[in-house]
Amino acid sequence: MTAHTIHEISPAAASSNEVNICGAPPVPTSFALFKAFFFIGLTGFGGVLPWARRMLVERLGWLTNREFAELLPLAQLLPGPNVANIATVLGRQYRGAKGAAMAVFGLYLAPTVITIGIGYAYARWGHAPITAHLFAGLMPAATGLVIATVLKLVTSLPRGAASIVLVAATFIAIAIMKIPLLIVLAVLGPLGTLFMLRRARKE
C-alpha cells in the first residue's frame, strides 16, 4: 500500500476528533465507523461497492477518489468480500482492533437481518411468477450501479497508454478468456506495479 493510500493516524491523533493542520477530515470514532458502514450495508442493494465509495469518498471524505481506487485492489487481493476488507482496513487504521470490529459489525448487521427476512419470504413465495419478474427487474439496476462505479474509478487512473492496456488486458482475460481472477492478478498486478515504479522514477 502506498503512503498516500490512507491517512496515517498516530495513537495520539486518534484520540481527537478535531481537524488536523493539513485540513484532513476529523478522525472518526468507533461509533462513527459503525454508523457509516451500517448505512453502507443498509443501502447497498444491488451491490455494496457503489454505496461504499459514495459514503467514504463523497459524503464523509475519509478517502479521496484516488485513495479509494488504490485501496480497492488491496481489498480484492485479500480473502473475503471487498467492502468488508475495506471496513477492516479503515477501522484498524483509525481506531485499532475495536474500530475494525465496529466497522465490520456495522456493515453486516442490517444485511444479515434483512437477508434472514427475505429468505423466509422466498421460502414461502419464491416460486410465484411475480417474484421472478421482481428479480428480473432488479438485475439491470444492479448492473448499472456497478458500471457507474467503474466509470468513476476510471477517472482516477494514471494517465497513459500503459493504464489503458492494463485495463483492456484485464477485461479480456476475465470477461472473454475466462481466466481465473487469481491468475490475472498474479500476472497483471506486478506489471502494473512495475509501470507505476518506472513512472515515479521519471517524475
N, C-alpha and C. Protein backbone atom coordinates (compact mmCIF):
# COMPACT_ATOMS: atom_id res chain seq x y z
N MET A 1 0.85 -1.19 0.00
CA MET A 1 0.00 0.00 0.00
C MET A 1 0.89 1.24 0.00
N THR A 2 0.57 2.22 -0.83
CA THR A 2 1.38 3.41 -0.89
C THR A 2 1.13 4.28 0.31
N ALA A 3 2.05 5.24 0.49
CA ALA A 3 1.98 6.07 1.68
C ALA A 3 0.74 6.95 1.70
N HIS A 4 0.19 7.26 0.50
CA HIS A 4 -0.95 8.15 0.47
C HIS A 4 -2.26 7.41 0.30
N THR A 5 -2.24 6.08 0.42
CA THR A 5 -3.48 5.33 0.25
C THR A 5 -4.46 5.66 1.36
N ILE A 6 -3.98 5.71 2.60
CA ILE A 6 -4.82 6.04 3.73
C ILE A 6 -4.04 6.99 4.61
N HIS A 7 -4.75 7.97 5.18
CA HIS A 7 -4.08 8.90 6.07
C HIS A 7 -3.48 8.17 7.25
N GLU A 8 -2.20 8.40 7.51
CA GLU A 8 -1.56 7.79 8.66
C GLU A 8 -2.04 8.50 9.92
N ILE A 9 -2.58 7.73 10.87
CA ILE A 9 -3.12 8.29 12.10
C ILE A 9 -2.32 7.75 13.27
N SER A 10 -1.73 8.64 14.04
CA SER A 10 -0.99 8.23 15.22
C SER A 10 -1.95 7.99 16.37
N PRO A 11 -1.56 7.20 17.39
CA PRO A 11 -2.44 6.96 18.53
C PRO A 11 -2.88 8.25 19.20
N ALA A 12 -1.99 9.24 19.27
CA ALA A 12 -2.37 10.50 19.90
C ALA A 12 -3.43 11.22 19.09
N ALA A 13 -3.26 11.19 17.76
CA ALA A 13 -4.24 11.87 16.92
C ALA A 13 -5.56 11.15 16.94
N ALA A 14 -5.53 9.85 17.13
CA ALA A 14 -6.76 9.08 17.11
C ALA A 14 -7.66 9.39 18.28
N SER A 15 -7.13 10.02 19.31
CA SER A 15 -7.96 10.34 20.46
C SER A 15 -8.67 11.68 20.31
N SER A 16 -8.46 12.34 19.20
CA SER A 16 -9.08 13.65 18.98
C SER A 16 -9.95 13.60 17.74
N ASN A 17 -11.03 14.38 17.75
CA ASN A 17 -11.91 14.46 16.61
C ASN A 17 -11.75 15.79 15.88
N GLU A 18 -10.71 16.54 16.18
CA GLU A 18 -10.51 17.83 15.57
C GLU A 18 -9.79 17.67 14.24
N VAL A 19 -10.06 18.59 13.34
CA VAL A 19 -9.39 18.58 12.05
C VAL A 19 -7.92 18.90 12.25
N ASN A 20 -7.04 18.14 11.58
CA ASN A 20 -5.62 18.38 11.76
C ASN A 20 -5.16 19.56 10.93
N ILE A 21 -3.89 19.91 11.09
CA ILE A 21 -3.39 21.12 10.45
C ILE A 21 -3.30 20.98 8.94
N CYS A 22 -3.36 19.74 8.43
CA CYS A 22 -3.30 19.53 6.99
C CYS A 22 -4.68 19.65 6.35
N GLY A 23 -5.71 19.88 7.16
CA GLY A 23 -7.04 20.02 6.62
C GLY A 23 -7.74 18.69 6.41
N ALA A 24 -7.23 17.62 6.98
CA ALA A 24 -7.85 16.31 6.84
C ALA A 24 -9.16 16.28 7.63
N PRO A 25 -10.09 15.41 7.25
CA PRO A 25 -11.35 15.34 7.98
C PRO A 25 -11.12 14.83 9.39
N PRO A 26 -12.08 15.08 10.30
CA PRO A 26 -11.92 14.61 11.67
C PRO A 26 -11.73 13.10 11.73
N VAL A 27 -10.93 12.65 12.68
CA VAL A 27 -10.72 11.22 12.86
C VAL A 27 -12.01 10.62 13.41
N PRO A 28 -12.61 9.64 12.72
CA PRO A 28 -13.89 9.10 13.17
C PRO A 28 -13.76 8.29 14.45
N THR A 29 -14.79 8.35 15.26
CA THR A 29 -14.85 7.50 16.44
C THR A 29 -15.27 6.08 16.02
N SER A 30 -15.17 5.16 16.95
CA SER A 30 -15.60 3.79 16.65
C SER A 30 -17.08 3.75 16.30
N PHE A 31 -17.88 4.58 17.00
CA PHE A 31 -19.31 4.61 16.71
C PHE A 31 -19.58 5.24 15.35
N ALA A 32 -18.76 6.23 14.96
CA ALA A 32 -18.92 6.82 13.63
C ALA A 32 -18.60 5.79 12.55
N LEU A 33 -17.59 4.97 12.77
CA LEU A 33 -17.28 3.89 11.84
C LEU A 33 -18.44 2.91 11.74
N PHE A 34 -19.01 2.57 12.88
CA PHE A 34 -20.16 1.67 12.90
C PHE A 34 -21.32 2.26 12.10
N LYS A 35 -21.64 3.54 12.34
CA LYS A 35 -22.77 4.17 11.67
C LYS A 35 -22.55 4.25 10.16
N ALA A 36 -21.35 4.61 9.76
CA ALA A 36 -21.07 4.75 8.33
C ALA A 36 -21.23 3.42 7.61
N PHE A 37 -20.65 2.37 8.15
CA PHE A 37 -20.72 1.09 7.47
C PHE A 37 -22.08 0.42 7.67
N PHE A 38 -22.79 0.77 8.73
CA PHE A 38 -24.16 0.29 8.89
C PHE A 38 -25.03 0.87 7.77
N PHE A 39 -24.85 2.16 7.49
CA PHE A 39 -25.62 2.79 6.42
C PHE A 39 -25.23 2.20 5.07
N ILE A 40 -23.94 1.92 4.87
CA ILE A 40 -23.49 1.30 3.62
C ILE A 40 -24.16 -0.06 3.44
N GLY A 41 -24.17 -0.87 4.50
CA GLY A 41 -24.80 -2.18 4.41
C GLY A 41 -26.30 -2.10 4.24
N LEU A 42 -26.92 -1.10 4.87
CA LEU A 42 -28.37 -0.95 4.80
C LEU A 42 -28.84 -0.50 3.43
N THR A 43 -28.06 0.34 2.77
CA THR A 43 -28.48 0.91 1.49
C THR A 43 -27.80 0.26 0.29
N GLY A 44 -26.99 -0.75 0.53
CA GLY A 44 -26.21 -1.35 -0.55
C GLY A 44 -26.96 -2.38 -1.36
N PHE A 45 -28.21 -2.12 -1.68
CA PHE A 45 -28.97 -3.06 -2.52
C PHE A 45 -28.41 -3.04 -3.93
N GLY A 46 -28.19 -4.23 -4.49
CA GLY A 46 -27.64 -4.31 -5.84
C GLY A 46 -26.13 -4.26 -5.87
N GLY A 47 -25.49 -4.24 -4.72
CA GLY A 47 -24.03 -4.17 -4.66
C GLY A 47 -23.59 -3.08 -3.70
N VAL A 48 -22.76 -3.44 -2.75
CA VAL A 48 -22.37 -2.50 -1.69
C VAL A 48 -21.29 -1.53 -2.17
N LEU A 49 -20.47 -1.94 -3.12
CA LEU A 49 -19.32 -1.14 -3.53
C LEU A 49 -19.69 0.28 -3.95
N PRO A 50 -20.71 0.50 -4.80
CA PRO A 50 -21.04 1.89 -5.18
C PRO A 50 -21.40 2.76 -3.98
N TRP A 51 -22.13 2.19 -3.03
CA TRP A 51 -22.54 2.97 -1.86
C TRP A 51 -21.37 3.20 -0.91
N ALA A 52 -20.46 2.24 -0.85
CA ALA A 52 -19.27 2.41 -0.03
C ALA A 52 -18.43 3.57 -0.56
N ARG A 53 -18.26 3.63 -1.85
CA ARG A 53 -17.48 4.72 -2.43
C ARG A 53 -18.17 6.06 -2.20
N ARG A 54 -19.48 6.11 -2.40
CA ARG A 54 -20.21 7.36 -2.20
C ARG A 54 -20.09 7.86 -0.75
N MET A 55 -20.22 6.93 0.19
CA MET A 55 -20.17 7.31 1.59
C MET A 55 -18.76 7.74 2.00
N LEU A 56 -17.76 6.92 1.69
CA LEU A 56 -16.40 7.16 2.17
C LEU A 56 -15.70 8.29 1.44
N VAL A 57 -16.02 8.47 0.15
CA VAL A 57 -15.33 9.48 -0.65
C VAL A 57 -16.14 10.77 -0.74
N GLU A 58 -17.40 10.67 -1.16
CA GLU A 58 -18.17 11.87 -1.48
C GLU A 58 -18.83 12.49 -0.25
N ARG A 59 -19.31 11.68 0.69
CA ARG A 59 -20.05 12.24 1.81
C ARG A 59 -19.16 12.51 3.03
N LEU A 60 -18.33 11.54 3.41
CA LEU A 60 -17.53 11.69 4.62
C LEU A 60 -16.13 12.24 4.36
N GLY A 61 -15.61 12.01 3.16
CA GLY A 61 -14.28 12.50 2.83
C GLY A 61 -13.16 11.77 3.56
N TRP A 62 -13.43 10.56 4.04
CA TRP A 62 -12.38 9.78 4.72
C TRP A 62 -11.32 9.31 3.74
N LEU A 63 -11.70 9.17 2.47
CA LEU A 63 -10.77 8.78 1.42
C LEU A 63 -10.99 9.68 0.22
N THR A 64 -9.93 9.95 -0.52
CA THR A 64 -10.09 10.61 -1.80
C THR A 64 -10.44 9.56 -2.84
N ASN A 65 -10.84 10.02 -4.02
CA ASN A 65 -11.17 9.09 -5.09
C ASN A 65 -9.97 8.24 -5.46
N ARG A 66 -8.78 8.86 -5.46
CA ARG A 66 -7.55 8.13 -5.78
C ARG A 66 -7.23 7.11 -4.68
N GLU A 67 -7.40 7.48 -3.42
CA GLU A 67 -7.12 6.56 -2.32
C GLU A 67 -8.07 5.37 -2.35
N PHE A 68 -9.33 5.62 -2.64
CA PHE A 68 -10.29 4.52 -2.72
C PHE A 68 -9.93 3.57 -3.86
N ALA A 69 -9.54 4.15 -5.00
CA ALA A 69 -9.14 3.34 -6.15
C ALA A 69 -7.91 2.50 -5.85
N GLU A 70 -7.02 3.00 -4.99
CA GLU A 70 -5.81 2.25 -4.64
C GLU A 70 -6.09 1.21 -3.56
N LEU A 71 -7.04 1.51 -2.67
CA LEU A 71 -7.38 0.57 -1.61
C LEU A 71 -8.19 -0.61 -2.13
N LEU A 72 -8.98 -0.38 -3.16
CA LEU A 72 -9.84 -1.44 -3.70
C LEU A 72 -9.05 -2.65 -4.21
N PRO A 73 -7.96 -2.48 -4.97
CA PRO A 73 -7.19 -3.66 -5.39
C PRO A 73 -6.65 -4.46 -4.21
N LEU A 74 -6.22 -3.77 -3.14
CA LEU A 74 -5.75 -4.49 -1.96
C LEU A 74 -6.89 -5.30 -1.36
N ALA A 75 -8.07 -4.71 -1.28
CA ALA A 75 -9.23 -5.43 -0.75
C ALA A 75 -9.60 -6.62 -1.62
N GLN A 76 -9.39 -6.50 -2.92
CA GLN A 76 -9.70 -7.60 -3.82
C GLN A 76 -8.68 -8.73 -3.71
N LEU A 77 -7.44 -8.38 -3.41
CA LEU A 77 -6.41 -9.41 -3.28
C LEU A 77 -6.57 -10.22 -1.99
N LEU A 78 -7.10 -9.59 -0.95
CA LEU A 78 -7.27 -10.29 0.32
C LEU A 78 -8.50 -11.20 0.28
N PRO A 79 -8.48 -12.28 1.04
CA PRO A 79 -9.67 -13.16 1.07
C PRO A 79 -10.85 -12.46 1.74
N GLY A 80 -12.05 -12.78 1.25
CA GLY A 80 -13.25 -12.18 1.84
C GLY A 80 -13.83 -11.11 0.94
N PRO A 81 -15.03 -10.61 1.27
CA PRO A 81 -15.69 -9.57 0.47
C PRO A 81 -14.88 -8.28 0.45
N ASN A 82 -14.92 -7.60 -0.69
CA ASN A 82 -14.11 -6.39 -0.87
C ASN A 82 -14.42 -5.31 0.17
N VAL A 83 -15.72 -5.00 0.33
CA VAL A 83 -16.09 -3.91 1.22
C VAL A 83 -15.81 -4.28 2.67
N ALA A 84 -15.94 -5.55 3.03
CA ALA A 84 -15.60 -5.97 4.39
C ALA A 84 -14.11 -5.77 4.65
N ASN A 85 -13.28 -6.02 3.65
CA ASN A 85 -11.85 -5.78 3.79
C ASN A 85 -11.54 -4.29 3.93
N ILE A 86 -12.26 -3.46 3.16
CA ILE A 86 -12.09 -2.02 3.28
C ILE A 86 -12.49 -1.55 4.67
N ALA A 87 -13.60 -2.08 5.18
CA ALA A 87 -14.06 -1.73 6.53
C ALA A 87 -13.01 -2.11 7.57
N THR A 88 -12.42 -3.27 7.40
CA THR A 88 -11.40 -3.73 8.35
C THR A 88 -10.17 -2.84 8.32
N VAL A 89 -9.71 -2.50 7.12
CA VAL A 89 -8.51 -1.67 6.99
C VAL A 89 -8.74 -0.27 7.56
N LEU A 90 -9.87 0.35 7.19
CA LEU A 90 -10.15 1.69 7.68
C LEU A 90 -10.37 1.72 9.19
N GLY A 91 -11.15 0.74 9.68
CA GLY A 91 -11.41 0.69 11.11
C GLY A 91 -10.12 0.49 11.90
N ARG A 92 -9.27 -0.39 11.42
CA ARG A 92 -7.98 -0.63 12.09
C ARG A 92 -7.09 0.60 12.01
N GLN A 93 -7.11 1.28 10.89
CA GLN A 93 -6.26 2.45 10.73
C GLN A 93 -6.65 3.57 11.67
N TYR A 94 -7.94 3.79 11.85
CA TYR A 94 -8.41 4.90 12.66
C TYR A 94 -8.53 4.57 14.14
N ARG A 95 -9.07 3.37 14.47
CA ARG A 95 -9.37 3.06 15.87
C ARG A 95 -8.88 1.69 16.32
N GLY A 96 -7.94 1.14 15.60
CA GLY A 96 -7.37 -0.13 16.02
C GLY A 96 -8.34 -1.30 15.84
N ALA A 97 -8.12 -2.35 16.62
CA ALA A 97 -8.92 -3.56 16.50
C ALA A 97 -10.40 -3.28 16.79
N LYS A 98 -10.66 -2.41 17.77
CA LYS A 98 -12.05 -2.07 18.09
C LYS A 98 -12.73 -1.39 16.91
N GLY A 99 -12.03 -0.47 16.26
CA GLY A 99 -12.60 0.20 15.10
C GLY A 99 -12.88 -0.76 13.96
N ALA A 100 -11.96 -1.70 13.74
CA ALA A 100 -12.17 -2.70 12.68
C ALA A 100 -13.39 -3.56 12.98
N ALA A 101 -13.52 -3.99 14.25
CA ALA A 101 -14.65 -4.82 14.63
C ALA A 101 -15.97 -4.06 14.50
N MET A 102 -15.98 -2.79 14.91
CA MET A 102 -17.21 -1.99 14.84
C MET A 102 -17.61 -1.74 13.39
N ALA A 103 -16.63 -1.46 12.52
CA ALA A 103 -16.93 -1.21 11.12
C ALA A 103 -17.51 -2.45 10.44
N VAL A 104 -16.89 -3.59 10.68
CA VAL A 104 -17.37 -4.83 10.06
C VAL A 104 -18.73 -5.23 10.63
N PHE A 105 -18.90 -5.07 11.93
CA PHE A 105 -20.19 -5.39 12.56
C PHE A 105 -21.30 -4.50 11.99
N GLY A 106 -21.01 -3.21 11.85
CA GLY A 106 -22.00 -2.31 11.27
C GLY A 106 -22.33 -2.67 9.84
N LEU A 107 -21.32 -3.09 9.06
CA LEU A 107 -21.54 -3.44 7.66
C LEU A 107 -22.47 -4.63 7.52
N TYR A 108 -22.32 -5.63 8.39
CA TYR A 108 -23.07 -6.88 8.22
C TYR A 108 -24.38 -6.93 9.01
N LEU A 109 -24.59 -6.00 9.94
CA LEU A 109 -25.77 -6.10 10.80
C LEU A 109 -27.08 -6.03 10.02
N ALA A 110 -27.28 -4.95 9.27
CA ALA A 110 -28.53 -4.79 8.53
C ALA A 110 -28.72 -5.85 7.45
N PRO A 111 -27.70 -6.14 6.60
CA PRO A 111 -27.90 -7.18 5.58
C PRO A 111 -28.25 -8.55 6.16
N THR A 112 -27.67 -8.88 7.33
CA THR A 112 -27.96 -10.17 7.94
C THR A 112 -29.44 -10.27 8.33
N VAL A 113 -29.94 -9.22 8.98
CA VAL A 113 -31.34 -9.22 9.41
C VAL A 113 -32.27 -9.23 8.19
N ILE A 114 -31.95 -8.39 7.19
CA ILE A 114 -32.79 -8.31 6.00
C ILE A 114 -32.78 -9.62 5.22
N THR A 115 -31.60 -10.23 5.10
CA THR A 115 -31.49 -11.47 4.33
C THR A 115 -32.26 -12.60 5.00
N ILE A 116 -32.22 -12.66 6.33
CA ILE A 116 -32.99 -13.68 7.03
C ILE A 116 -34.48 -13.50 6.73
N GLY A 117 -34.95 -12.25 6.76
CA GLY A 117 -36.36 -11.99 6.46
C GLY A 117 -36.71 -12.32 5.03
N ILE A 118 -35.83 -11.94 4.08
CA ILE A 118 -36.10 -12.25 2.67
C ILE A 118 -36.04 -13.75 2.43
N GLY A 119 -35.10 -14.44 3.12
CA GLY A 119 -35.03 -15.89 2.97
C GLY A 119 -36.31 -16.57 3.42
N TYR A 120 -36.87 -16.07 4.49
CA TYR A 120 -38.14 -16.62 4.97
C TYR A 120 -39.25 -16.36 3.95
N ALA A 121 -39.27 -15.13 3.41
CA ALA A 121 -40.30 -14.80 2.42
C ALA A 121 -40.12 -15.60 1.14
N TYR A 122 -38.86 -15.81 0.72
CA TYR A 122 -38.61 -16.56 -0.50
C TYR A 122 -39.01 -18.02 -0.35
N ALA A 123 -38.80 -18.55 0.85
CA ALA A 123 -39.20 -19.94 1.08
C ALA A 123 -40.70 -20.12 0.92
N ARG A 124 -41.47 -19.07 1.20
CA ARG A 124 -42.92 -19.16 1.10
C ARG A 124 -43.45 -18.76 -0.27
N TRP A 125 -42.86 -17.71 -0.87
CA TRP A 125 -43.41 -17.17 -2.12
C TRP A 125 -42.39 -17.12 -3.25
N GLY A 126 -41.29 -17.85 -3.11
CA GLY A 126 -40.23 -17.77 -4.11
C GLY A 126 -40.61 -18.28 -5.48
N HIS A 127 -41.59 -19.18 -5.56
CA HIS A 127 -41.96 -19.75 -6.85
C HIS A 127 -43.10 -19.00 -7.52
N ALA A 128 -43.55 -17.92 -6.92
CA ALA A 128 -44.64 -17.14 -7.52
C ALA A 128 -44.11 -16.37 -8.73
N PRO A 129 -44.91 -16.23 -9.79
CA PRO A 129 -44.47 -15.52 -11.01
C PRO A 129 -44.00 -14.10 -10.73
N ILE A 130 -44.65 -13.42 -9.79
CA ILE A 130 -44.27 -12.03 -9.51
C ILE A 130 -42.85 -11.94 -8.96
N THR A 131 -42.41 -12.99 -8.26
CA THR A 131 -41.05 -12.99 -7.72
C THR A 131 -40.02 -13.05 -8.83
N ALA A 132 -40.28 -13.87 -9.83
CA ALA A 132 -39.36 -13.96 -10.97
C ALA A 132 -39.27 -12.62 -11.70
N HIS A 133 -40.39 -11.93 -11.87
CA HIS A 133 -40.38 -10.63 -12.53
C HIS A 133 -39.64 -9.60 -11.68
N LEU A 134 -39.76 -9.71 -10.37
CA LEU A 134 -39.08 -8.78 -9.48
C LEU A 134 -37.56 -8.91 -9.62
N PHE A 135 -37.06 -10.14 -9.61
CA PHE A 135 -35.62 -10.34 -9.73
C PHE A 135 -35.12 -9.91 -11.11
N ALA A 136 -35.93 -10.17 -12.15
CA ALA A 136 -35.54 -9.77 -13.50
C ALA A 136 -35.44 -8.25 -13.61
N GLY A 137 -36.31 -7.55 -12.90
CA GLY A 137 -36.26 -6.09 -12.94
C GLY A 137 -35.12 -5.50 -12.15
N LEU A 138 -34.65 -6.21 -11.13
CA LEU A 138 -33.56 -5.71 -10.31
C LEU A 138 -32.20 -5.85 -10.98
N MET A 139 -32.06 -6.81 -11.88
CA MET A 139 -30.75 -7.07 -12.49
C MET A 139 -30.19 -5.88 -13.26
N PRO A 140 -30.99 -5.20 -14.11
CA PRO A 140 -30.42 -4.03 -14.81
C PRO A 140 -29.98 -2.92 -13.87
N ALA A 141 -30.75 -2.71 -12.80
CA ALA A 141 -30.39 -1.67 -11.84
C ALA A 141 -29.07 -2.00 -11.15
N ALA A 142 -28.89 -3.26 -10.76
CA ALA A 142 -27.65 -3.68 -10.10
C ALA A 142 -26.47 -3.53 -11.05
N THR A 143 -26.67 -3.90 -12.30
CA THR A 143 -25.61 -3.77 -13.30
C THR A 143 -25.24 -2.30 -13.51
N GLY A 144 -26.24 -1.44 -13.55
CA GLY A 144 -25.99 -0.02 -13.73
C GLY A 144 -25.17 0.58 -12.60
N LEU A 145 -25.44 0.13 -11.37
CA LEU A 145 -24.67 0.62 -10.22
C LEU A 145 -23.19 0.27 -10.36
N VAL A 146 -22.92 -0.95 -10.78
CA VAL A 146 -21.53 -1.39 -10.93
C VAL A 146 -20.83 -0.59 -12.03
N ILE A 147 -21.52 -0.40 -13.16
CA ILE A 147 -20.94 0.34 -14.27
C ILE A 147 -20.65 1.78 -13.87
N ALA A 148 -21.58 2.40 -13.13
CA ALA A 148 -21.39 3.79 -12.70
C ALA A 148 -20.16 3.91 -11.80
N THR A 149 -19.97 2.94 -10.90
CA THR A 149 -18.80 2.97 -10.02
C THR A 149 -17.51 2.79 -10.80
N VAL A 150 -17.52 1.90 -11.78
CA VAL A 150 -16.34 1.67 -12.61
C VAL A 150 -15.95 2.95 -13.34
N LEU A 151 -16.93 3.64 -13.90
CA LEU A 151 -16.64 4.86 -14.64
C LEU A 151 -16.03 5.93 -13.74
N LYS A 152 -16.50 6.02 -12.48
CA LYS A 152 -15.94 7.00 -11.56
C LYS A 152 -14.52 6.63 -11.16
N LEU A 153 -14.25 5.33 -11.01
CA LEU A 153 -12.91 4.91 -10.63
C LEU A 153 -11.92 5.09 -11.78
N VAL A 154 -12.41 4.97 -13.01
CA VAL A 154 -11.54 5.12 -14.17
C VAL A 154 -10.91 6.50 -14.21
N THR A 155 -11.66 7.51 -13.75
CA THR A 155 -11.14 8.87 -13.79
C THR A 155 -9.93 9.07 -12.88
N SER A 156 -9.74 8.18 -11.92
CA SER A 156 -8.61 8.31 -11.01
C SER A 156 -7.38 7.53 -11.47
N LEU A 157 -7.50 6.81 -12.59
CA LEU A 157 -6.36 6.04 -13.08
C LEU A 157 -5.26 6.96 -13.59
N PRO A 158 -4.01 6.54 -13.48
CA PRO A 158 -2.91 7.33 -14.05
C PRO A 158 -3.09 7.46 -15.55
N ARG A 159 -2.84 8.65 -16.06
CA ARG A 159 -2.97 8.89 -17.49
C ARG A 159 -1.83 8.22 -18.25
N GLY A 160 -2.15 7.61 -19.37
CA GLY A 160 -1.10 6.99 -20.17
C GLY A 160 -1.59 5.74 -20.86
N ALA A 161 -0.86 5.36 -21.90
CA ALA A 161 -1.25 4.20 -22.69
C ALA A 161 -1.14 2.91 -21.89
N ALA A 162 -0.18 2.85 -20.96
CA ALA A 162 0.01 1.63 -20.18
C ALA A 162 -1.23 1.31 -19.34
N SER A 163 -1.86 2.34 -18.76
CA SER A 163 -3.07 2.11 -17.97
C SER A 163 -4.19 1.56 -18.83
N ILE A 164 -4.35 2.11 -20.03
CA ILE A 164 -5.40 1.63 -20.94
C ILE A 164 -5.14 0.18 -21.33
N VAL A 165 -3.88 -0.14 -21.61
CA VAL A 165 -3.53 -1.51 -21.99
C VAL A 165 -3.82 -2.48 -20.85
N LEU A 166 -3.48 -2.11 -19.62
CA LEU A 166 -3.71 -2.98 -18.47
C LEU A 166 -5.20 -3.20 -18.22
N VAL A 167 -5.98 -2.13 -18.34
CA VAL A 167 -7.43 -2.26 -18.17
C VAL A 167 -8.02 -3.17 -19.24
N ALA A 168 -7.62 -2.95 -20.48
CA ALA A 168 -8.13 -3.76 -21.58
C ALA A 168 -7.71 -5.22 -21.43
N ALA A 169 -6.45 -5.44 -21.03
CA ALA A 169 -5.96 -6.81 -20.85
C ALA A 169 -6.71 -7.52 -19.73
N THR A 170 -6.99 -6.80 -18.65
CA THR A 170 -7.73 -7.40 -17.54
C THR A 170 -9.14 -7.78 -17.97
N PHE A 171 -9.81 -6.89 -18.70
CA PHE A 171 -11.17 -7.18 -19.17
C PHE A 171 -11.18 -8.38 -20.10
N ILE A 172 -10.25 -8.40 -21.04
CA ILE A 172 -10.21 -9.51 -22.00
C ILE A 172 -9.92 -10.83 -21.29
N ALA A 173 -8.97 -10.81 -20.35
CA ALA A 173 -8.58 -12.04 -19.66
C ALA A 173 -9.73 -12.61 -18.84
N ILE A 174 -10.48 -11.74 -18.15
CA ILE A 174 -11.53 -12.22 -17.25
C ILE A 174 -12.86 -12.41 -17.97
N ALA A 175 -13.30 -11.40 -18.73
CA ALA A 175 -14.62 -11.44 -19.33
C ALA A 175 -14.69 -12.32 -20.57
N ILE A 176 -13.63 -12.34 -21.36
CA ILE A 176 -13.67 -13.07 -22.63
C ILE A 176 -12.95 -14.41 -22.54
N MET A 177 -11.72 -14.41 -22.01
CA MET A 177 -10.95 -15.65 -21.96
C MET A 177 -11.27 -16.51 -20.73
N LYS A 178 -12.00 -15.94 -19.77
CA LYS A 178 -12.45 -16.67 -18.57
C LYS A 178 -11.28 -17.20 -17.74
N ILE A 179 -10.18 -16.45 -17.71
CA ILE A 179 -9.04 -16.85 -16.90
C ILE A 179 -9.35 -16.56 -15.43
N PRO A 180 -9.01 -17.45 -14.51
CA PRO A 180 -9.29 -17.20 -13.09
C PRO A 180 -8.70 -15.88 -12.61
N LEU A 181 -9.45 -15.21 -11.74
CA LEU A 181 -9.05 -13.88 -11.26
C LEU A 181 -7.68 -13.91 -10.59
N LEU A 182 -7.41 -14.95 -9.80
CA LEU A 182 -6.13 -15.01 -9.09
C LEU A 182 -4.95 -15.03 -10.05
N ILE A 183 -5.09 -15.74 -11.15
CA ILE A 183 -4.01 -15.80 -12.14
C ILE A 183 -3.83 -14.44 -12.82
N VAL A 184 -4.94 -13.81 -13.15
CA VAL A 184 -4.88 -12.49 -13.80
C VAL A 184 -4.18 -11.48 -12.89
N LEU A 185 -4.55 -11.47 -11.62
CA LEU A 185 -3.93 -10.54 -10.69
C LEU A 185 -2.45 -10.85 -10.48
N ALA A 186 -2.11 -12.15 -10.46
CA ALA A 186 -0.72 -12.55 -10.26
C ALA A 186 0.17 -12.09 -11.42
N VAL A 187 -0.41 -12.00 -12.61
CA VAL A 187 0.37 -11.60 -13.79
C VAL A 187 0.33 -10.09 -14.00
N LEU A 188 -0.88 -9.53 -14.04
CA LEU A 188 -1.02 -8.12 -14.37
C LEU A 188 -0.73 -7.21 -13.19
N GLY A 189 -0.91 -7.71 -11.97
CA GLY A 189 -0.61 -6.90 -10.79
C GLY A 189 0.83 -6.44 -10.73
N PRO A 190 1.79 -7.37 -10.83
CA PRO A 190 3.21 -6.94 -10.85
C PRO A 190 3.54 -6.04 -12.03
N LEU A 191 2.90 -6.28 -13.19
CA LEU A 191 3.17 -5.42 -14.34
C LEU A 191 2.71 -3.98 -14.06
N GLY A 192 1.52 -3.86 -13.45
CA GLY A 192 1.03 -2.53 -13.10
C GLY A 192 1.92 -1.85 -12.08
N THR A 193 2.40 -2.62 -11.11
CA THR A 193 3.30 -2.07 -10.09
C THR A 193 4.61 -1.60 -10.71
N LEU A 194 5.14 -2.40 -11.62
CA LEU A 194 6.38 -2.02 -12.30
C LEU A 194 6.19 -0.74 -13.11
N PHE A 195 5.05 -0.63 -13.76
CA PHE A 195 4.75 0.58 -14.54
C PHE A 195 4.72 1.81 -13.64
N MET A 196 4.08 1.70 -12.47
CA MET A 196 3.98 2.84 -11.57
C MET A 196 5.35 3.21 -10.99
N LEU A 197 6.18 2.21 -10.71
CA LEU A 197 7.52 2.49 -10.19
C LEU A 197 8.36 3.22 -11.21
N ARG A 198 8.29 2.78 -12.45
CA ARG A 198 9.06 3.44 -13.51
C ARG A 198 8.56 4.87 -13.74
N ARG A 199 7.25 5.04 -13.64
CA ARG A 199 6.69 6.38 -13.82
C ARG A 199 7.10 7.31 -12.68
N ALA A 200 7.11 6.77 -11.44
CA ALA A 200 7.50 7.58 -10.28
C ALA A 200 8.96 8.00 -10.40
N ARG A 201 9.83 7.13 -10.90
CA ARG A 201 11.24 7.48 -11.05
C ARG A 201 11.44 8.58 -12.08
N LYS A 202 10.63 8.56 -13.13
CA LYS A 202 10.75 9.58 -14.15
C LYS A 202 10.29 10.94 -13.64
N GLU A 203 9.29 10.92 -12.75
CA GLU A 203 8.78 12.17 -12.22
C GLU A 203 9.71 12.74 -11.14
